[in-house]
PDB file of all heavy atoms in Angstrom:
ATOM      1  N   VAL A   1      98.119  76.100  32.565  1.00  0.00           N
ATOM      2  CA  VAL A   1      98.137  75.898  34.015  1.00  0.00           C
ATOM      3  C   VAL A   1      98.593  77.191  34.672  1.00  0.00           C
ATOM      4  O   VAL A   1      99.631  77.755  34.275  1.00  0.00           O
ATOM      5  CB  VAL A   1      99.072  74.737  34.413  1.00  0.00           C
ATOM      6  CG1 VAL A   1      99.123  74.590  35.929  1.00  0.00           C
ATOM      7  CG2 VAL A   1      98.631  73.432  33.757  1.00  0.00           C
ATOM      8  N   LEU A   2      97.855  77.655  35.665  1.00  0.00           N
ATOM      9  CA  LEU A   2      98.196  78.881  36.373  1.00  0.00           C
ATOM     10  C   LEU A   2      98.450  78.553  37.842  1.00  0.00           C
ATOM     11  O   LEU A   2      97.631  77.903  38.496  1.00  0.00           O
ATOM     12  CB  LEU A   2      97.065  79.908  36.265  1.00  0.00           C
ATOM     13  CG  LEU A   2      97.256  81.209  37.050  1.00  0.00           C
ATOM     14  CD1 LEU A   2      98.461  81.991  36.510  1.00  0.00           C
ATOM     15  CD2 LEU A   2      95.993  82.072  36.993  1.00  0.00           C
ATOM     16  N   VAL A   3      99.583  79.024  38.354  1.00  0.00           N
ATOM     17  CA  VAL A   3      99.948  78.836  39.753  1.00  0.00           C
ATOM     18  C   VAL A   3      99.847  80.182  40.456  1.00  0.00           C
ATOM     19  O   VAL A   3     100.482  81.156  40.026  1.00  0.00           O
ATOM     20  CB  VAL A   3     101.368  78.255  39.893  1.00  0.00           C
ATOM     21  CG1 VAL A   3     101.727  78.087  41.370  1.00  0.00           C
ATOM     22  CG2 VAL A   3     101.467  76.929  39.163  1.00  0.00           C
ATOM     23  N   SER A   4      99.069  80.244  41.518  1.00  0.00           N
ATOM     24  CA  SER A   4      98.911  81.481  42.286  1.00  0.00           C
ATOM     25  C   SER A   4      99.359  81.234  43.718  1.00  0.00           C
ATOM     26  O   SER A   4      99.037  80.197  44.305  1.00  0.00           O
ATOM     27  CB  SER A   4      97.452  81.948  42.280  1.00  0.00           C
ATOM     28  OG  SER A   4      96.995  82.140  40.953  1.00  0.00           O
ATOM     29  N   VAL A   5     100.076  82.196  44.269  1.00  0.00           N
ATOM     30  CA  VAL A   5     100.556  82.107  45.645  1.00  0.00           C
ATOM     31  C   VAL A   5     100.052  83.332  46.392  1.00  0.00           C
ATOM     32  O   VAL A   5     100.289  84.465  45.964  1.00  0.00           O
ATOM     33  CB  VAL A   5     102.089  82.026  45.719  1.00  0.00           C
ATOM     34  CG1 VAL A   5     102.536  81.814  47.163  1.00  0.00           C
ATOM     35  CG2 VAL A   5     102.614  80.914  44.821  1.00  0.00           C
ATOM     36  N   ALA A   6      99.351  83.111  47.497  1.00  0.00           N
ATOM     37  CA  ALA A   6      98.778  84.219  48.267  1.00  0.00           C
ATOM     38  C   ALA A   6      98.966  83.940  49.752  1.00  0.00           C
ATOM     39  O   ALA A   6      99.299  82.828  50.169  1.00  0.00           O
ATOM     40  CB  ALA A   6      97.304  84.406  47.929  1.00  0.00           C
ATOM     41  N   ARG A   7      98.746  84.985  50.538  1.00  0.00           N
ATOM     42  CA  ARG A   7      98.831  84.874  51.993  1.00  0.00           C
ATOM     43  C   ARG A   7      97.429  85.009  52.569  1.00  0.00           C
ATOM     44  O   ARG A   7      96.722  85.978  52.272  1.00  0.00           O
ATOM     45  CB  ARG A   7      99.747  85.957  52.548  1.00  0.00           C
ATOM     46  CG  ARG A   7     100.010  85.851  54.055  1.00  0.00           C
ATOM     47  CD  ARG A   7     101.005  86.906  54.487  1.00  0.00           C
ATOM     48  NE  ARG A   7     101.469  86.691  55.859  1.00  0.00           N
ATOM     49  CZ  ARG A   7     102.390  87.449  56.461  1.00  0.00           C
ATOM     50  NH1 ARG A   7     102.952  88.462  55.796  1.00  0.00           N
ATOM     51  NH2 ARG A   7     102.760  87.190  57.706  1.00  0.00           N
ATOM     52  N   ALA A   8      97.021  84.037  53.377  1.00  0.00           N
ATOM     53  CA  ALA A   8      95.693  84.052  53.994  1.00  0.00           C
ATOM     54  C   ALA A   8      95.858  84.253  55.491  1.00  0.00           C
ATOM     55  O   ALA A   8      96.322  83.352  56.190  1.00  0.00           O
ATOM     56  CB  ALA A   8      94.961  82.749  53.701  1.00  0.00           C
ATOM     57  N   ARG A   9      95.484  85.430  55.964  1.00  0.00           N
ATOM     58  CA  ARG A   9      95.646  85.753  57.385  1.00  0.00           C
ATOM     59  C   ARG A   9      94.292  85.988  58.034  1.00  0.00           C
ATOM     60  O   ARG A   9      93.434  86.659  57.478  1.00  0.00           O
ATOM     61  CB  ARG A   9      96.525  86.990  57.560  1.00  0.00           C
ATOM     62  CG  ARG A   9      98.006  86.706  57.466  1.00  0.00           C
ATOM     63  CD  ARG A   9      98.835  87.901  57.879  1.00  0.00           C
ATOM     64  NE  ARG A   9      98.819  88.947  56.880  1.00  0.00           N
ATOM     65  CZ  ARG A   9      99.597  90.033  56.926  1.00  0.00           C
ATOM     66  NH1 ARG A   9     100.430  90.190  57.935  1.00  0.00           N
ATOM     67  NH2 ARG A   9      99.522  90.940  55.994  1.00  0.00           N
ATOM     68  N   THR A  10      94.124  85.416  59.237  1.00  0.00           N
ATOM     69  CA  THR A  10      92.954  85.673  60.071  1.00  0.00           C
ATOM     70  C   THR A  10      93.454  86.029  61.468  1.00  0.00           C
ATOM     71  O   THR A  10      94.668  86.125  61.700  1.00  0.00           O
ATOM     72  CB  THR A  10      92.037  84.435  60.134  1.00  0.00           C
ATOM     73  OG1 THR A  10      92.745  83.366  60.782  1.00  0.00           O
ATOM     74  CG2 THR A  10      91.617  83.993  58.739  1.00  0.00           C
ATOM     75  N   GLU A  11      92.522  86.205  62.389  1.00  0.00           N
ATOM     76  CA  GLU A  11      92.917  86.547  63.760  1.00  0.00           C
ATOM     77  C   GLU A  11      93.659  85.403  64.443  1.00  0.00           C
ATOM     78  O   GLU A  11      94.439  85.629  65.363  1.00  0.00           O
ATOM     79  CB  GLU A  11      91.670  86.915  64.575  1.00  0.00           C
ATOM     80  CG  GLU A  11      90.978  88.186  64.090  1.00  0.00           C
ATOM     81  CD  GLU A  11      89.769  88.508  64.938  1.00  0.00           C
ATOM     82  OE1 GLU A  11      89.452  87.693  65.833  1.00  0.00           O
ATOM     83  OE2 GLU A  11      89.141  89.564  64.718  1.00  0.00           O
ATOM     84  N   THR A  12      93.414  84.184  63.983  1.00  0.00           N
ATOM     85  CA  THR A  12      94.004  83.024  64.663  1.00  0.00           C
ATOM     86  C   THR A  12      95.020  82.264  63.821  1.00  0.00           C
ATOM     87  O   THR A  12      95.659  81.343  64.328  1.00  0.00           O
ATOM     88  CB  THR A  12      92.893  82.043  65.079  1.00  0.00           C
ATOM     89  OG1 THR A  12      92.159  81.637  63.907  1.00  0.00           O
ATOM     90  CG2 THR A  12      91.957  82.697  66.071  1.00  0.00           C
ATOM     91  N   SER A  13      95.178  82.593  62.545  1.00  0.00           N
ATOM     92  CA  SER A  13      96.097  81.826  61.702  1.00  0.00           C
ATOM     93  C   SER A  13      96.744  82.711  60.655  1.00  0.00           C
ATOM     94  O   SER A  13      96.231  83.779  60.303  1.00  0.00           O
ATOM     95  CB  SER A  13      95.362  80.663  61.013  1.00  0.00           C
ATOM     96  OG  SER A  13      94.403  81.162  60.092  1.00  0.00           O
ATOM     97  N   ASP A  14      97.880  82.240  60.179  1.00  0.00           N
ATOM     98  CA  ASP A  14      98.616  82.905  59.106  1.00  0.00           C
ATOM     99  C   ASP A  14      99.159  81.801  58.216  1.00  0.00           C
ATOM    100  O   ASP A  14      99.996  80.999  58.640  1.00  0.00           O
ATOM    101  CB  ASP A  14      99.753  83.756  59.681  1.00  0.00           C
ATOM    102  CG  ASP A  14     100.428  84.606  58.612  1.00  0.00           C
ATOM    103  OD1 ASP A  14      99.970  84.579  57.455  1.00  0.00           O
ATOM    104  OD2 ASP A  14     101.428  85.284  58.933  1.00  0.00           O
ATOM    105  N   ARG A  15      98.668  81.739  56.964  1.00  0.00           N
ATOM    106  CA  ARG A  15      99.004  80.613  56.107  1.00  0.00           C
ATOM    107  C   ARG A  15      99.368  81.087  54.709  1.00  0.00           C
ATOM    108  O   ARG A  15      98.937  82.156  54.266  1.00  0.00           O
ATOM    109  CB  ARG A  15      97.838  79.611  56.033  1.00  0.00           C
ATOM    110  CG  ARG A  15      97.381  79.123  57.395  1.00  0.00           C
ATOM    111  CD  ARG A  15      96.120  78.296  57.344  1.00  0.00           C
ATOM    112  NE  ARG A  15      96.358  76.943  56.873  1.00  0.00           N
ATOM    113  CZ  ARG A  15      96.803  75.960  57.639  1.00  0.00           C
ATOM    114  NH1 ARG A  15      97.079  76.198  58.913  1.00  0.00           N
ATOM    115  NH2 ARG A  15      96.988  74.756  57.170  1.00  0.00           N
ATOM    116  N   ILE A  16     100.177  80.250  54.030  1.00  0.00           N
ATOM    117  CA  ILE A  16     100.520  80.471  52.626  1.00  0.00           C
ATOM    118  C   ILE A  16      99.672  79.530  51.797  1.00  0.00           C
ATOM    119  O   ILE A  16      99.633  78.324  52.038  1.00  0.00           O
ATOM    120  CB  ILE A  16     102.014  80.217  52.369  1.00  0.00           C
ATOM    121  CG1 ILE A  16     102.869  81.130  53.238  1.00  0.00           C
ATOM    122  CG2 ILE A  16     102.333  80.428  50.892  1.00  0.00           C
ATOM    123  CD1 ILE A  16     102.669  82.602  52.983  1.00  0.00           C
ATOM    124  N   CYS A  17      98.975  80.074  50.810  1.00  0.00           N
ATOM    125  CA  CYS A  17      98.031  79.311  49.998  1.00  0.00           C
ATOM    126  C   CYS A  17      98.547  79.192  48.567  1.00  0.00           C
ATOM    127  O   CYS A  17      98.762  80.210  47.891  1.00  0.00           O
ATOM    128  CB  CYS A  17      96.659  79.986  50.022  1.00  0.00           C
ATOM    129  SG  CYS A  17      95.416  79.161  49.020  1.00  0.00           S
ATOM    130  N   PHE A  18      98.782  77.953  48.113  1.00  0.00           N
ATOM    131  CA  PHE A  18      99.189  77.677  46.735  1.00  0.00           C
ATOM    132  C   PHE A  18      97.966  77.153  45.982  1.00  0.00           C
ATOM    133  O   PHE A  18      97.341  76.177  46.408  1.00  0.00           O
ATOM    134  CB  PHE A  18     100.297  76.625  46.686  1.00  0.00           C
ATOM    135  CG  PHE A  18     101.571  77.016  47.369  1.00  0.00           C
ATOM    136  CD1 PHE A  18     101.741  76.800  48.728  1.00  0.00           C
ATOM    137  CD2 PHE A  18     102.613  77.597  46.657  1.00  0.00           C
ATOM    138  CE1 PHE A  18     102.918  77.153  49.365  1.00  0.00           C
ATOM    139  CE2 PHE A  18     103.793  77.956  47.282  1.00  0.00           C
ATOM    140  CZ  PHE A  18     103.943  77.733  48.641  1.00  0.00           C
ATOM    141  N   THR A  19      97.645  77.785  44.850  1.00  0.00           N
ATOM    142  CA  THR A  19      96.498  77.376  44.042  1.00  0.00           C
ATOM    143  C   THR A  19      96.978  77.018  42.646  1.00  0.00           C
ATOM    144  O   THR A  19      97.629  77.836  41.980  1.00  0.00           O
ATOM    145  CB  THR A  19      95.449  78.493  43.963  1.00  0.00           C
ATOM    146  OG1 THR A  19      95.062  78.866  45.289  1.00  0.00           O
ATOM    147  CG2 THR A  19      94.228  78.030  43.188  1.00  0.00           C
ATOM    148  N   ILE A  20      96.685  75.802  42.200  1.00  0.00           N
ATOM    149  CA  ILE A  20      97.074  75.333  40.864  1.00  0.00           C
ATOM    150  C   ILE A  20      95.795  75.104  40.078  1.00  0.00           C
ATOM    151  O   ILE A  20      95.011  74.193  40.384  1.00  0.00           O
ATOM    152  CB  ILE A  20      97.918  74.040  40.945  1.00  0.00           C
ATOM    153  CG1 ILE A  20      99.251  74.305  41.657  1.00  0.00           C
ATOM    154  CG2 ILE A  20      98.171  73.501  39.551  1.00  0.00           C
ATOM    155  CD1 ILE A  20      99.210  74.124  43.147  1.00  0.00           C
ATOM    156  N   THR A  21      95.586  75.939  39.070  1.00  0.00           N
ATOM    157  CA  THR A  21      94.369  75.886  38.254  1.00  0.00           C
ATOM    158  C   THR A  21      94.725  75.430  36.851  1.00  0.00           C
ATOM    159  O   THR A  21      95.685  75.943  36.250  1.00  0.00           O
ATOM    160  CB  THR A  21      93.694  77.260  38.197  1.00  0.00           C
ATOM    161  OG1 THR A  21      93.479  77.738  39.530  1.00  0.00           O
ATOM    162  CG2 THR A  21      92.370  77.184  37.463  1.00  0.00           C
ATOM    163  N   ASP A  22      93.983  74.472  36.317  1.00  0.00           N
ATOM    164  CA  ASP A  22      94.249  73.997  34.948  1.00  0.00           C
ATOM    165  C   ASP A  22      92.963  74.022  34.138  1.00  0.00           C
ATOM    166  O   ASP A  22      91.861  74.179  34.680  1.00  0.00           O
ATOM    167  CB  ASP A  22      94.849  72.580  34.966  1.00  0.00           C
ATOM    168  CG  ASP A  22      93.903  71.537  35.519  1.00  0.00           C
ATOM    169  OD1 ASP A  22      92.826  71.332  34.932  1.00  0.00           O
ATOM    170  OD2 ASP A  22      94.238  70.904  36.549  1.00  0.00           O
ATOM    171  N   THR A  23      93.122  73.864  32.845  1.00  0.00           N
ATOM    172  CA  THR A  23      91.980  73.830  31.917  1.00  0.00           C
ATOM    173  C   THR A  23      91.815  72.424  31.354  1.00  0.00           C
ATOM    174  O   THR A  23      91.429  72.257  30.195  1.00  0.00           O
ATOM    175  CB  THR A  23      92.176  74.845  30.783  1.00  0.00           C
ATOM    176  OG1 THR A  23      93.413  74.554  30.110  1.00  0.00           O
ATOM    177  CG2 THR A  23      92.239  76.257  31.325  1.00  0.00           C
ATOM    178  N   GLY A  24      92.139  71.426  32.174  1.00  0.00           N
ATOM    179  CA  GLY A  24      92.059  70.040  31.733  1.00  0.00           C
ATOM    180  C   GLY A  24      90.644  69.496  31.732  1.00  0.00           C
ATOM    181  O   GLY A  24      89.663  70.247  31.779  1.00  0.00           O
ATOM    182  N   PRO A  25      90.513  68.151  31.711  1.00  0.00           N
ATOM    183  CA  PRO A  25      89.186  67.532  31.574  1.00  0.00           C
ATOM    184  C   PRO A  25      88.320  67.624  32.819  1.00  0.00           C
ATOM    185  O   PRO A  25      87.127  67.353  32.752  1.00  0.00           O
ATOM    186  CB  PRO A  25      89.529  66.068  31.257  1.00  0.00           C
ATOM    187  CG  PRO A  25      90.868  65.850  31.872  1.00  0.00           C
ATOM    188  CD  PRO A  25      91.600  67.150  31.736  1.00  0.00           C
ATOM    189  N   GLY A  26      88.881  67.979  33.960  1.00  0.00           N
ATOM    190  CA  GLY A  26      88.096  68.064  35.182  1.00  0.00           C
ATOM    191  C   GLY A  26      87.855  66.701  35.810  1.00  0.00           C
ATOM    192  O   GLY A  26      88.296  65.660  35.315  1.00  0.00           O
ATOM    193  N   LEU A  27      87.143  66.709  36.921  1.00  0.00           N
ATOM    194  CA  LEU A  27      86.893  65.490  37.694  1.00  0.00           C
ATOM    195  C   LEU A  27      85.414  65.345  38.003  1.00  0.00           C
ATOM    196  O   LEU A  27      84.705  66.342  38.175  1.00  0.00           O
ATOM    197  CB  LEU A  27      87.677  65.524  39.014  1.00  0.00           C
ATOM    198  CG  LEU A  27      89.196  65.547  38.938  1.00  0.00           C
ATOM    199  CD1 LEU A  27      89.772  65.857  40.317  1.00  0.00           C
ATOM    200  CD2 LEU A  27      89.736  64.222  38.433  1.00  0.00           C
ATOM    201  N   ARG A  28      84.978  64.105  38.089  1.00  0.00           N
ATOM    202  CA  ARG A  28      83.633  63.851  38.588  1.00  0.00           C
ATOM    203  C   ARG A  28      83.618  64.010  40.109  1.00  0.00           C
ATOM    204  O   ARG A  28      84.647  63.850  40.760  1.00  0.00           O
ATOM    205  CB  ARG A  28      83.191  62.434  38.204  1.00  0.00           C
ATOM    206  CG  ARG A  28      83.047  62.225  36.704  1.00  0.00           C
ATOM    207  CD  ARG A  28      82.715  60.781  36.401  1.00  0.00           C
ATOM    208  NE  ARG A  28      83.775  59.892  36.871  1.00  0.00           N
ATOM    209  CZ  ARG A  28      83.737  58.574  36.764  1.00  0.00           C
ATOM    210  NH1 ARG A  28      82.684  57.992  36.208  1.00  0.00           N
ATOM    211  NH2 ARG A  28      84.741  57.837  37.216  1.00  0.00           N
ATOM    212  N   GLU A  29      82.455  64.299  40.652  1.00  0.00           N
ATOM    213  CA  GLU A  29      82.367  64.553  42.089  1.00  0.00           C
ATOM    214  C   GLU A  29      82.802  63.351  42.906  1.00  0.00           C
ATOM    215  O   GLU A  29      83.461  63.489  43.943  1.00  0.00           O
ATOM    216  CB  GLU A  29      80.929  64.944  42.449  1.00  0.00           C
ATOM    217  CG  GLU A  29      80.754  65.367  43.901  1.00  0.00           C
ATOM    218  CD  GLU A  29      79.372  65.902  44.183  1.00  0.00           C
ATOM    219  OE1 GLU A  29      78.599  66.059  43.217  1.00  0.00           O
ATOM    220  OE2 GLU A  29      79.068  66.146  45.360  1.00  0.00           O
ATOM    221  N   GLU A  30      82.465  62.131  42.450  1.00  0.00           N
ATOM    222  CA  GLU A  30      82.825  60.940  43.209  1.00  0.00           C
ATOM    223  C   GLU A  30      84.320  60.626  43.141  1.00  0.00           C
ATOM    224  O   GLU A  30      84.823  59.804  43.911  1.00  0.00           O
ATOM    225  CB  GLU A  30      82.027  59.726  42.712  1.00  0.00           C
ATOM    226  CG  GLU A  30      82.223  59.400  41.244  1.00  0.00           C
ATOM    227  CD  GLU A  30      81.181  60.083  40.356  1.00  0.00           C
ATOM    228  OE1 GLU A  30      80.642  61.128  40.780  1.00  0.00           O
ATOM    229  OE2 GLU A  30      80.921  59.574  39.267  1.00  0.00           O
ATOM    230  N   ASP A  31      85.050  61.278  42.216  1.00  0.00           N
ATOM    231  CA  ASP A  31      86.485  61.015  42.090  1.00  0.00           C
ATOM    232  C   ASP A  31      87.345  61.971  42.908  1.00  0.00           C
ATOM    233  O   ASP A  31      88.545  61.742  43.062  1.00  0.00           O
ATOM    234  CB  ASP A  31      86.912  61.116  40.617  1.00  0.00           C
ATOM    235  CG  ASP A  31      86.302  60.017  39.760  1.00  0.00           C
ATOM    236  OD1 ASP A  31      86.024  58.947  40.335  1.00  0.00           O
ATOM    237  OD2 ASP A  31      86.106  60.229  38.555  1.00  0.00           O
TER     238      ASP A  31
END
């Protein structure tokens, strides 16, 4: 599991973005 923290800035917003990526079984689109 990898946790990434980044800053996403635009002309109208400033946000903190947390991304949690895993190598698990994944999900079906309907789920």
